[in-house]
C-alpha cells in the first residue's frame, strides 16, 4: 500500500462505550473502503487500563469471562492447526501476542514460535506464566520468518504503512501472513451500527472490510484463504447489546450473533474474518 489514503468522508459518529464514553468519528477512504478513527489520542495507554480488557488479562472470573476463555481455548486449537499447515519446520512470529497464549500453545505443539507484545503489563502477566515475549522487533533479521500471525492486532496499530513495511521486511518471500480482522460489512455490524463493539474506538484505529484488505495487500500478497471466525459474532453481539442497554443482553446478543453467522453463510460477510495471504516476493 503505497498510495495515499484520504479519510475525507464521515462514515459514522460513535462513542467509546467500553470505557470513557468520549465521542469519536469514523472517516472513510473511498478508494479502499478503509475506515479510520478520528481523533486518535496521543497516548492510548489509558484506554487499555481496565480489568475487563480480557485480551490482556485472563484472571477475570465472571460468567462472561468464562465463556470468553472457553472460546479462546477452542480458537487456540484452530489457530495452531492453521499455523502448522503453513509453518512446517519454519519460524513463526505472533505480533500482538497479548499474554502469550498462542505462542505458548504453538511451542507446546512443536512449532518454532516467538511472540512480540508492546504492552508492558501484558508481557509481565505472560512472564508470570513463564512465557517470554519480545518488547521490540528491531533485532530481528530481514526475511527471517516463514509465518507471521496478527490476530485482531492490525486494527490497533498507530501507523498502518509502517506496519505493512515491517511485515514486508520480516516475512520471507513466499511466506504466509495470517490476519484476523473485524468486518464492518457483517450483519451484526450493520444491525448494531454505532453500538457495534468491534469498532472499539479509540483502541481500534483502523476498520476493515474485505475490499480494504484486498486493496491494501494486493501489491505484495495473494489472498489464498478467507475463514470466518464464528465465535466472534457471539462475543461482539453480546457486548454490543450491553452498549445498547438491552434488557437481556447476553441472550439477545447470542441470538443476534447466531443470526449473523447464518447470514454470513450466504453473504460471506462474517463478523470477523481470518485472511491467509501469501507473500509474492
C-alpha atoms as a PDB file:
ATOM      1  CA  UNK A   1       0.000   0.000   0.000  1.00  0.00           C
ATOM      2  CA  UNK A   2       1.958   2.956  -1.248  1.00  0.00           C
ATOM      3  CA  UNK A   3      -0.982   5.005  -2.476  1.00  0.00           C
ATOM      4  CA  UNK A   4      -2.072   7.970  -0.386  1.00  0.00           C
ATOM      5  CA  UNK A   5      -5.141   7.420   1.777  1.00  0.00           C
ATOM      6  CA  UNK A   6      -7.713  10.192   2.048  1.00  0.00           C
ATOM      7  CA  UNK A   7     -10.075   9.880   5.011  1.00  0.00           C
ATOM      8  CA  UNK A   8     -12.310  12.684   3.847  1.00  0.00           C
ATOM      9  CA  UNK A   9     -15.778  11.177   4.163  1.00  0.00           C
ATOM     10  CA  UNK A  10     -17.591  10.804   7.516  1.00  0.00           C
ATOM     11  CA  UNK A  11     -18.886   7.251   7.857  1.00  0.00           C
ATOM     12  CA  UNK A  12     -20.167   7.183  11.458  1.00  0.00           C
ATOM     13  CA  UNK A  13     -20.124   9.100  14.734  1.00  0.00           C
ATOM     14  CA  UNK A  14     -19.905   6.998  17.884  1.00  0.00           C
ATOM     15  CA  UNK A  15     -18.559   6.760  21.437  1.00  0.00           C
ATOM     16  CA  UNK A  16     -16.092   4.741  23.434  1.00  0.00           C
ATOM     17  CA  UNK A  17     -18.912   2.743  25.020  1.00  0.00           C
ATOM     18  CA  UNK A  18     -16.422   0.365  26.654  1.00  0.00           C
ATOM     19  CA  UNK A  19     -14.628   2.821  28.921  1.00  0.00           C
ATOM     20  CA  UNK A  20     -14.621   6.623  28.632  1.00  0.00           C
ATOM     21  CA  UNK A  21     -17.833   7.496  26.735  1.00  0.00           C
ATOM     22  CA  UNK A  22     -15.810  10.010  24.693  1.00  0.00           C
ATOM     23  CA  UNK A  23     -17.042  10.805  21.191  1.00  0.00           C
ATOM     24  CA  UNK A  24     -15.149   9.804  18.050  1.00  0.00           C
ATOM     25  CA  UNK A  25     -15.739   9.727  14.322  1.00  0.00           C
ATOM     26  CA  UNK A  26     -15.031   7.124  11.659  1.00  0.00           C
ATOM     27  CA  UNK A  27     -13.887   8.516   8.318  1.00  0.00           C
ATOM     28  CA  UNK A  28     -13.624   6.516   5.129  1.00  0.00           C
ATOM     29  CA  UNK A  29     -11.081   6.363   2.345  1.00  0.00           C
ATOM     30  CA  UNK A  30     -13.373   5.936  -0.668  1.00  0.00           C
ATOM     31  CA  UNK A  31     -10.738   4.234  -2.804  1.00  0.00           C
ATOM     32  CA  UNK A  32     -10.066   1.341  -0.437  1.00  0.00           C
ATOM     33  CA  UNK A  33     -13.097   1.301   1.854  1.00  0.00           C
ATOM     34  CA  UNK A  34     -10.769   1.548   4.863  1.00  0.00           C
ATOM     35  CA  UNK A  35     -12.119   3.428   7.895  1.00  0.00           C
ATOM     36  CA  UNK A  36     -10.041   5.351  10.422  1.00  0.00           C
ATOM     37  CA  UNK A  37     -10.868   6.657  13.896  1.00  0.00           C
ATOM     38  CA  UNK A  38     -10.656  10.417  14.465  1.00  0.00           C
ATOM     39  CA  UNK A  39      -9.214  11.861  16.584  1.00  0.00           C
ATOM     40  CA  UNK A  40      -6.546   9.353  17.596  1.00  0.00           C
ATOM     41  CA  UNK A  41      -5.423  10.163  21.171  1.00  0.00           C
ATOM     42  CA  UNK A  42      -1.715  10.912  21.538  1.00  0.00           C
ATOM     43  CA  UNK A  43      -1.460   8.418  24.397  1.00  0.00           C
ATOM     44  CA  UNK A  44      -3.646   5.333  24.022  1.00  0.00           C
ATOM     45  CA  UNK A  45      -2.354   3.513  27.117  1.00  0.00           C
ATOM     46  CA  UNK A  46      -5.110   4.795  29.456  1.00  0.00           C
ATOM     47  CA  UNK A  47      -7.757   3.410  27.098  1.00  0.00           C
ATOM     48  CA  UNK A  48      -6.489  -0.122  27.776  1.00  0.00           C
ATOM     49  CA  UNK A  49      -6.416   0.294  31.568  1.00  0.00           C
ATOM     50  CA  UNK A  50      -9.384  -1.838  32.529  1.00  0.00           C
ATOM     51  CA  UNK A  51      -9.674  -5.196  34.295  1.00  0.00           C
ATOM     52  CA  UNK A  52     -12.372  -6.063  31.741  1.00  0.00           C
ATOM     53  CA  UNK A  53      -9.954  -5.802  28.813  1.00  0.00           C
ATOM     54  CA  UNK A  54      -9.776  -9.571  28.501  1.00  0.00           C
ATOM     55  CA  UNK A  55      -7.174  -9.863  25.749  1.00  0.00           C
ATOM     56  CA  UNK A  56      -4.568  -8.680  28.278  1.00  0.00           C
ATOM     57  CA  UNK A  57      -5.959 -10.467  31.317  1.00  0.00           C
ATOM     58  CA  UNK A  58      -7.326 -13.972  31.847  1.00  0.00           C
ATOM     59  CA  UNK A  59      -7.876 -13.704  35.594  1.00  0.00           C
ATOM     60  CA  UNK A  60     -11.441 -12.330  35.340  1.00  0.00           C
ATOM     61  CA  UNK A  61     -13.922 -14.745  36.972  1.00  0.00           C
ATOM     62  CA  UNK A  62     -17.292 -13.605  35.616  1.00  0.00           C
ATOM     63  CA  UNK A  63     -19.546 -15.945  33.623  1.00  0.00           C
ATOM     64  CA  UNK A  64     -18.952 -13.834  30.515  1.00  0.00           C
ATOM     65  CA  UNK A  65     -15.190 -14.145  31.039  1.00  0.00           C
ATOM     66  CA  UNK A  66     -15.605 -17.897  31.482  1.00  0.00           C
ATOM     67  CA  UNK A  67     -17.390 -18.136  28.126  1.00  0.00           C
ATOM     68  CA  UNK A  68     -14.720 -15.929  26.544  1.00  0.00           C
ATOM     69  CA  UNK A  69     -11.916 -18.118  27.844  1.00  0.00           C
ATOM     70  CA  UNK A  70     -13.694 -21.318  26.733  1.00  0.00           C
ATOM     71  CA  UNK A  71     -13.999 -19.902  23.203  1.00  0.00           C
ATOM     72  CA  UNK A  72     -10.357 -18.783  23.385  1.00  0.00           C
ATOM     73  CA  UNK A  73      -9.293 -22.326  24.217  1.00  0.00           C
ATOM     74  CA  UNK A  74     -11.199 -23.670  21.218  1.00  0.00           C
ATOM     75  CA  UNK A  75      -9.723 -20.979  18.983  1.00  0.00           C
ATOM     76  CA  UNK A  76      -6.171 -21.792  20.115  1.00  0.00           C
ATOM     77  CA  UNK A  77      -6.560 -25.276  18.681  1.00  0.00           C
ATOM     78  CA  UNK A  78      -7.960 -23.920  15.421  1.00  0.00           C
ATOM     79  CA  UNK A  79      -5.221 -21.275  15.093  1.00  0.00           C
ATOM     80  CA  UNK A  80      -2.491 -23.795  15.824  1.00  0.00           C
ATOM     81  CA  UNK A  81      -3.826 -26.175  13.186  1.00  0.00           C
ATOM     82  CA  UNK A  82      -3.807 -23.355  10.637  1.00  0.00           C
ATOM     83  CA  UNK A  83      -0.312 -22.157  11.538  1.00  0.00           C
ATOM     84  CA  UNK A  84       1.143 -25.675  11.447  1.00  0.00           C
ATOM     85  CA  UNK A  85      -0.314 -26.190   7.972  1.00  0.00           C
ATOM     86  CA  UNK A  86       1.931 -23.447   6.592  1.00  0.00           C
ATOM     87  CA  UNK A  87       4.865 -23.257   9.017  1.00  0.00           C
ATOM     88  CA  UNK A  88       6.383 -26.719   8.678  1.00  0.00           C
ATOM     89  CA  UNK A  89       9.790 -26.542  10.339  1.00  0.00           C
ATOM     90  CA  UNK A  90       9.991 -22.775   9.798  1.00  0.00           C
ATOM     91  CA  UNK A  91       9.906 -19.813  12.185  1.00  0.00           C
ATOM     92  CA  UNK A  92       6.647 -18.233  13.330  1.00  0.00           C
ATOM     93  CA  UNK A  93       6.154 -14.742  14.757  1.00  0.00           C
ATOM     94  CA  UNK A  94       2.970 -13.753  16.580  1.00  0.00           C
ATOM     95  CA  UNK A  95       2.660  -9.949  16.565  1.00  0.00           C
ATOM     96  CA  UNK A  96       0.486  -8.513  19.317  1.00  0.00           C
ATOM     97  CA  UNK A  97       0.832 -11.667  21.384  1.00  0.00           C
ATOM     98  CA  UNK A  98      -1.139 -10.301  24.364  1.00  0.00           C
ATOM     99  CA  UNK A  99      -0.478 -12.539  27.345  1.00  0.00           C
ATOM    100  CA  UNK A 100       1.227 -15.126  25.150  1.00  0.00           C
ATOM    101  CA  UNK A 101      -1.401 -17.860  24.972  1.00  0.00           C
ATOM    102  CA  UNK A 102      -0.972 -18.590  21.250  1.00  0.00           C
ATOM    103  CA  UNK A 103       2.834 -18.552  21.434  1.00  0.00           C
ATOM    104  CA  UNK A 104       2.745 -20.909  24.408  1.00  0.00           C
ATOM    105  CA  UNK A 105       0.295 -23.263  22.699  1.00  0.00           C
ATOM    106  CA  UNK A 106       2.322 -23.305  19.474  1.00  0.00           C
ATOM    107  CA  UNK A 107       5.547 -24.049  21.349  1.00  0.00           C
ATOM    108  CA  UNK A 108       3.890 -26.901  23.233  1.00  0.00           C
ATOM    109  CA  UNK A 109       2.867 -28.342  19.864  1.00  0.00           C
ATOM    110  CA  UNK A 110       6.412 -28.269  18.482  1.00  0.00           C
ATOM    111  CA  UNK A 111       6.147 -25.048  16.470  1.00  0.00           C
ATOM    112  CA  UNK A 112       9.192 -22.769  16.456  1.00  0.00           C
ATOM    113  CA  UNK A 113       7.286 -19.669  17.576  1.00  0.00           C
ATOM    114  CA  UNK A 114       8.102 -16.377  19.268  1.00  0.00           C
ATOM    115  CA  UNK A 115       5.841 -13.507  20.246  1.00  0.00           C
ATOM    116  CA  UNK A 116       6.008  -9.718  20.242  1.00  0.00           C
ATOM    117  CA  UNK A 117       3.847  -7.642  22.602  1.00  0.00           C
ATOM    118  CA  UNK A 118       4.307  -3.870  23.069  1.00  0.00           C
ATOM    119  CA  UNK A 119       2.162  -3.640  26.208  1.00  0.00           C
ATOM    120  CA  UNK A 120       4.413  -3.978  29.268  1.00  0.00           C
ATOM    121  CA  UNK A 121       1.643  -5.170  31.609  1.00  0.00           C
ATOM    122  CA  UNK A 122       0.671  -7.922  29.175  1.00  0.00           C
ATOM    123  CA  UNK A 123       4.330  -9.010  28.919  1.00  0.00           C
ATOM    124  CA  UNK A 124       4.646  -9.022  32.704  1.00  0.00           C
ATOM    125  CA  UNK A 125       1.485 -11.115  33.036  1.00  0.00           C
ATOM    126  CA  UNK A 126       2.853 -13.538  30.418  1.00  0.00           C
ATOM    127  CA  UNK A 127       6.124 -13.750  32.326  1.00  0.00           C
ATOM    128  CA  UNK A 128       4.278 -14.934  35.445  1.00  0.00           C
ATOM    129  CA  UNK A 129       3.285 -17.954  33.327  1.00  0.00           C
ATOM    130  CA  UNK A 130       6.906 -18.361  32.117  1.00  0.00           C
ATOM    131  CA  UNK A 131       6.067 -17.059  28.637  1.00  0.00           C
ATOM    132  CA  UNK A 132       8.737 -14.628  27.465  1.00  0.00           C
ATOM    133  CA  UNK A 133       7.649 -12.134  24.802  1.00  0.00           C
ATOM    134  CA  UNK A 134       9.734  -9.664  22.835  1.00  0.00           C
ATOM    135  CA  UNK A 135       9.259  -5.954  23.525  1.00  0.00           C
ATOM    136  CA  UNK A 136      10.852  -4.929  20.204  1.00  0.00           C
ATOM    137  CA  UNK A 137      11.378  -6.372  16.717  1.00  0.00           C
ATOM    138  CA  UNK A 138      14.364  -4.183  15.852  1.00  0.00           C
ATOM    139  CA  UNK A 139      16.844  -7.026  16.334  1.00  0.00           C
ATOM    140  CA  UNK A 140      15.000  -9.432  14.021  1.00  0.00           C
ATOM    141  CA  UNK A 141      16.799 -10.075  10.732  1.00  0.00           C
ATOM    142  CA  UNK A 142      15.167  -9.310   7.393  1.00  0.00           C
ATOM    143  CA  UNK A 143      13.087 -12.113   5.880  1.00  0.00           C
ATOM    144  CA  UNK A 144      13.560 -14.302   8.941  1.00  0.00           C
ATOM    145  CA  UNK A 145      10.004 -15.654   9.390  1.00  0.00           C
ATOM    146  CA  UNK A 146       8.053 -18.219   7.409  1.00  0.00           C
ATOM    147  CA  UNK A 147       4.723 -17.311   9.029  1.00  0.00           C
ATOM    148  CA  UNK A 148       3.588 -14.127  10.768  1.00  0.00           C
ATOM    149  CA  UNK A 149       0.281 -14.017  12.639  1.00  0.00           C
ATOM    150  CA  UNK A 150      -1.674 -10.948  13.710  1.00  0.00           C
ATOM    151  CA  UNK A 151      -4.904 -11.990  15.406  1.00  0.00           C
ATOM    152  CA  UNK A 152      -7.010  -8.859  15.958  1.00  0.00           C
ATOM    153  CA  UNK A 153      -3.941  -6.629  16.003  1.00  0.00           C
ATOM    154  CA  UNK A 154      -3.746  -4.694  12.725  1.00  0.00           C
ATOM    155  CA  UNK A 155      -6.754  -2.585  13.713  1.00  0.00           C
ATOM    156  CA  UNK A 156      -4.750  -1.297  16.717  1.00  0.00           C
ATOM    157  CA  UNK A 157      -1.556  -0.123  15.008  1.00  0.00           C
ATOM    158  CA  UNK A 158      -0.913   3.658  15.053  1.00  0.00           C
ATOM    159  CA  UNK A 159       0.723   3.804  11.597  1.00  0.00           C
ATOM    160  CA  UNK A 160      -0.617   1.337   9.060  1.00  0.00           C
ATOM    161  CA  UNK A 161       2.048   1.932   6.412  1.00  0.00           C
ATOM    162  CA  UNK A 162       4.865   1.453   8.933  1.00  0.00           C
ATOM    163  CA  UNK A 163       3.299  -1.841   9.983  1.00  0.00           C
ATOM    164  CA  UNK A 164       2.974  -3.067   6.392  1.00  0.00           C
ATOM    165  CA  UNK A 165       6.603  -2.134   5.746  1.00  0.00           C
ATOM    166  CA  UNK A 166       7.655  -4.067   8.857  1.00  0.00           C
ATOM    167  CA  UNK A 167       5.735  -7.155   7.724  1.00  0.00           C
ATOM    168  CA  UNK A 168       7.378  -6.925   4.305  1.00  0.00           C
ATOM    169  CA  UNK A 169      10.813  -6.729   5.939  1.00  0.00           C
ATOM    170  CA  UNK A 170      10.333  -9.634   8.319  1.00  0.00           C
ATOM    171  CA  UNK A 171       8.420 -12.132   6.173  1.00  0.00           C
ATOM    172  CA  UNK A 172      10.261 -14.377   3.735  1.00  0.00           C
ATOM    173  CA  UNK A 173       9.335 -14.336   0.028  1.00  0.00           C
ATOM    174  CA  UNK A 174       6.624 -16.956  -0.323  1.00  0.00           C
ATOM    175  CA  UNK A 175       5.902 -16.646   3.400  1.00  0.00           C
ATOM    176  CA  UNK A 176       2.443 -16.628   4.929  1.00  0.00           C
ATOM    177  CA  UNK A 177       0.736 -13.747   6.713  1.00  0.00           C
ATOM    178  CA  UNK A 178      -2.307 -14.644   8.812  1.00  0.00           C
ATOM    179  CA  UNK A 179      -4.573 -11.729   9.750  1.00  0.00           C
ATOM    180  CA  UNK A 180      -7.774 -11.788  11.786  1.00  0.00           C
ATOM    181  CA  UNK A 181      -9.872  -8.635  11.473  1.00  0.00           C
ATOM    182  CA  UNK A 182     -13.377  -7.432  12.333  1.00  0.00           C
ATOM    183  CA  UNK A 183     -15.532  -6.932   9.235  1.00  0.00           C
ATOM    184  CA  UNK A 184     -17.711  -3.823   9.285  1.00  0.00           C
ATOM    185  CA  UNK A 185     -19.787  -5.224   6.392  1.00  0.00           C
ATOM    186  CA  UNK A 186     -21.098  -8.055   8.576  1.00  0.00           C
ATOM    187  CA  UNK A 187     -24.753  -8.320   9.534  1.00  0.00           C
ATOM    188  CA  UNK A 188     -24.091  -7.660  13.235  1.00  0.00           C
ATOM    189  CA  UNK A 189     -22.104  -4.510  12.354  1.00  0.00           C
ATOM    190  CA  UNK A 190     -24.961  -3.240  10.211  1.00  0.00           C
ATOM    191  CA  UNK A 191     -27.569  -4.154  12.848  1.00  0.00           C
ATOM    192  CA  UNK A 192     -25.855  -2.516  15.827  1.00  0.00           C
ATOM    193  CA  UNK A 193     -24.471   0.489  13.928  1.00  0.00           C
ATOM    194  CA  UNK A 194     -22.630   2.874  16.243  1.00  0.00           C
ATOM    195  CA  UNK A 195     -23.020   0.402  19.129  1.00  0.00           C
ATOM    196  CA  UNK A 196     -21.119  -2.375  17.325  1.00  0.00           C
ATOM    197  CA  UNK A 197     -18.495  -3.397  19.878  1.00  0.00           C
ATOM    198  CA  UNK A 198     -15.859  -4.299  17.273  1.00  0.00           C
ATOM    199  CA  UNK A 199     -15.461  -0.628  16.357  1.00  0.00           C
ATOM    200  CA  UNK A 200     -13.971  -0.333  19.871  1.00  0.00           C
ATOM    201  CA  UNK A 201     -12.814   3.258  19.412  1.00  0.00           C
ATOM    202  CA  UNK A 202     -10.218   4.590  20.037  1.00  0.00           C
ATOM    203  CA  UNK A 203      -8.366   1.305  20.702  1.00  0.00           C
ATOM    204  CA  UNK A 204      -9.221   0.267  17.144  1.00  0.00           C
ATOM    205  CA  UNK A 205      -7.707   2.916  14.908  1.00  0.00           C
ATOM    206  CA  UNK A 206      -8.403   1.238  11.551  1.00  0.00           C
ATOM    207  CA  UNK A 207     -11.521  -0.656  10.488  1.00  0.00           C
ATOM    208  CA  UNK A 208     -11.609  -3.145   7.626  1.00  0.00           C
ATOM    209  CA  UNK A 209     -13.865  -4.891   5.172  1.00  0.00           C
ATOM    210  CA  UNK A 210     -12.814  -7.406   2.504  1.00  0.00           C
ATOM    211  CA  UNK A 211     -12.389  -4.644  -0.096  1.00  0.00           C
ATOM    212  CA  UNK A 212      -9.970  -2.762   2.165  1.00  0.00           C
ATOM    213  CA  UNK A 213      -7.854  -5.848   2.842  1.00  0.00           C
ATOM    214  CA  UNK A 214      -7.669  -6.613  -0.881  1.00  0.00           C
ATOM    215  CA  UNK A 215      -6.603  -3.074  -1.791  1.00  0.00           C
ATOM    216  CA  UNK A 216      -4.043  -2.741   0.999  1.00  0.00           C
ATOM    217  CA  UNK A 217      -2.251  -6.015   0.300  1.00  0.00           C
ATOM    218  CA  UNK A 218      -2.731  -6.631  -3.429  1.00  0.00           C
ATOM    219  CA  UNK A 219       0.684  -5.289  -4.472  1.00  0.00           C
ATOM    220  CA  UNK A 220       2.734  -7.794  -2.472  1.00  0.00           C
ATOM    221  CA  UNK A 221       0.375 -10.560  -1.400  1.00  0.00           C
ATOM    222  CA  UNK A 222      -2.149 -13.016  -2.733  1.00  0.00           C
ATOM    223  CA  UNK A 223      -5.150 -13.851  -0.548  1.00  0.00           C
ATOM    224  CA  UNK A 224      -5.278 -17.638  -0.633  1.00  0.00           C
ATOM    225  CA  UNK A 225      -7.916 -18.249   2.038  1.00  0.00           C
ATOM    226  CA  UNK A 226     -10.634 -16.410   3.972  1.00  0.00           C
ATOM    227  CA  UNK A 227     -12.046 -18.143   7.031  1.00  0.00           C
ATOM    228  CA  UNK A 228     -14.973 -16.936   9.208  1.00  0.00           C
ATOM    229  CA  UNK A 229     -14.416 -16.632  12.950  1.00  0.00           C
ATOM    230  CA  UNK A 230     -17.791 -17.879  14.153  1.00  0.00           C
ATOM    231  CA  UNK A 231     -17.355 -17.209  17.889  1.00  0.00           C
ATOM    232  CA  UNK A 232     -16.503 -13.543  17.314  1.00  0.00           C
ATOM    233  CA  UNK A 233     -20.040 -12.643  16.285  1.00  0.00           C
ATOM    234  CA  UNK A 234     -21.385 -14.028  19.574  1.00  0.00           C
ATOM    235  CA  UNK A 235     -18.866 -12.190  21.751  1.00  0.00           C
ATOM    236  CA  UNK A 236     -19.187  -8.931  19.826  1.00  0.00           C
ATOM    237  CA  UNK A 237     -23.000  -9.071  19.701  1.00  0.00           C
ATOM    238  CA  UNK A 238     -23.276  -9.659  23.459  1.00  0.00           C
ATOM    239  CA  UNK A 239     -21.053  -6.616  24.125  1.00  0.00           C
ATOM    240  CA  UNK A 240     -22.971  -4.578  21.544  1.00  0.00           C
ATOM    241  CA  UNK A 241     -26.279  -5.467  23.211  1.00  0.00           C
ATOM    242  CA  UNK A 242     -24.779  -4.298  26.524  1.00  0.00           C
ATOM    243  CA  UNK A 243     -23.752  -0.979  24.973  1.00  0.00           C
ATOM    244  CA  UNK A 244     -27.247  -0.627  23.520  1.00  0.00           C
ATOM    245  CA  UNK A 245     -28.621  -1.226  27.044  1.00  0.00           C
ATOM    246  CA  UNK A 246     -30.888  -4.079  26.017  1.00  0.00           C
ATOM    247  CA  UNK A 247     -32.841  -5.790  28.795  1.00  0.00           C
ATOM    248  CA  UNK A 248     -31.239  -9.225  28.468  1.00  0.00           C
ATOM    249  CA  UNK A 249     -28.029  -8.504  26.565  1.00  0.00           C
ATOM    250  CA  UNK A 250     -26.497 -11.971  26.905  1.00  0.00           C
ATOM    251  CA  UNK A 251     -29.497 -13.766  25.392  1.00  0.00           C
ATOM    252  CA  UNK A 252     -30.289 -11.114  22.789  1.00  0.00           C
ATOM    253  CA  UNK A 253     -26.634 -10.813  21.836  1.00  0.00           C
ATOM    254  CA  UNK A 254     -26.271 -14.586  21.453  1.00  0.00           C
ATOM    255  CA  UNK A 255     -29.328 -14.724  19.194  1.00  0.00           C
ATOM    256  CA  UNK A 256     -28.127 -11.794  17.077  1.00  0.00           C
ATOM    257  CA  UNK A 257     -24.663 -13.341  16.809  1.00  0.00           C
ATOM    258  CA  UNK A 258     -26.095 -16.671  15.704  1.00  0.00           C
ATOM    259  CA  UNK A 259     -28.306 -14.939  13.139  1.00  0.00           C
ATOM    260  CA  UNK A 260     -25.295 -13.003  11.854  1.00  0.00           C
ATOM    261  CA  UNK A 261     -23.430 -16.293  11.394  1.00  0.00           C
ATOM    262  CA  UNK A 262     -26.347 -17.784   9.479  1.00  0.00           C
ATOM    263  CA  UNK A 263     -26.482 -14.728   7.218  1.00  0.00           C
ATOM    264  CA  UNK A 264     -22.716 -14.966   6.670  1.00  0.00           C
ATOM    265  CA  UNK A 265     -23.047 -18.484   5.230  1.00  0.00           C
ATOM    266  CA  UNK A 266     -24.737 -16.889   2.230  1.00  0.00           C
ATOM    267  CA  UNK A 267     -23.147 -13.432   2.130  1.00  0.00           C
ATOM    268  CA  UNK A 268     -19.582 -14.499   3.126  1.00  0.00           C
ATOM    269  CA  UNK A 269     -19.550 -11.394   5.364  1.00  0.00           C
ATOM    270  CA  UNK A 270     -18.734 -12.830   8.788  1.00  0.00           C
ATOM    271  CA  UNK A 271     -18.323 -10.636  11.866  1.00  0.00           C
ATOM    272  CA  UNK A 272     -14.589 -11.378  11.827  1.00  0.00           C
ATOM    273  CA  UNK A 273     -12.526 -12.980   9.096  1.00  0.00           C
ATOM    274  CA  UNK A 274      -9.171 -14.735   9.141  1.00  0.00           C
ATOM    275  CA  UNK A 275      -7.210 -13.907   5.985  1.00  0.00           C
ATOM    276  CA  UNK A 276      -4.347 -16.119   4.829  1.00  0.00           C
ATOM    277  CA  UNK A 277      -2.053 -14.202   2.488  1.00  0.00           C
ATOM    278  CA  UNK A 278       0.990 -15.442   0.611  1.00  0.00           C
ATOM    279  CA  UNK A 279       3.813 -13.002   0.024  1.00  0.00           C
ATOM    280  CA  UNK A 280       4.756 -12.858  -3.661  1.00  0.00           C
ATOM    281  CA  UNK A 281       8.330 -11.573  -3.256  1.00  0.00           C
END
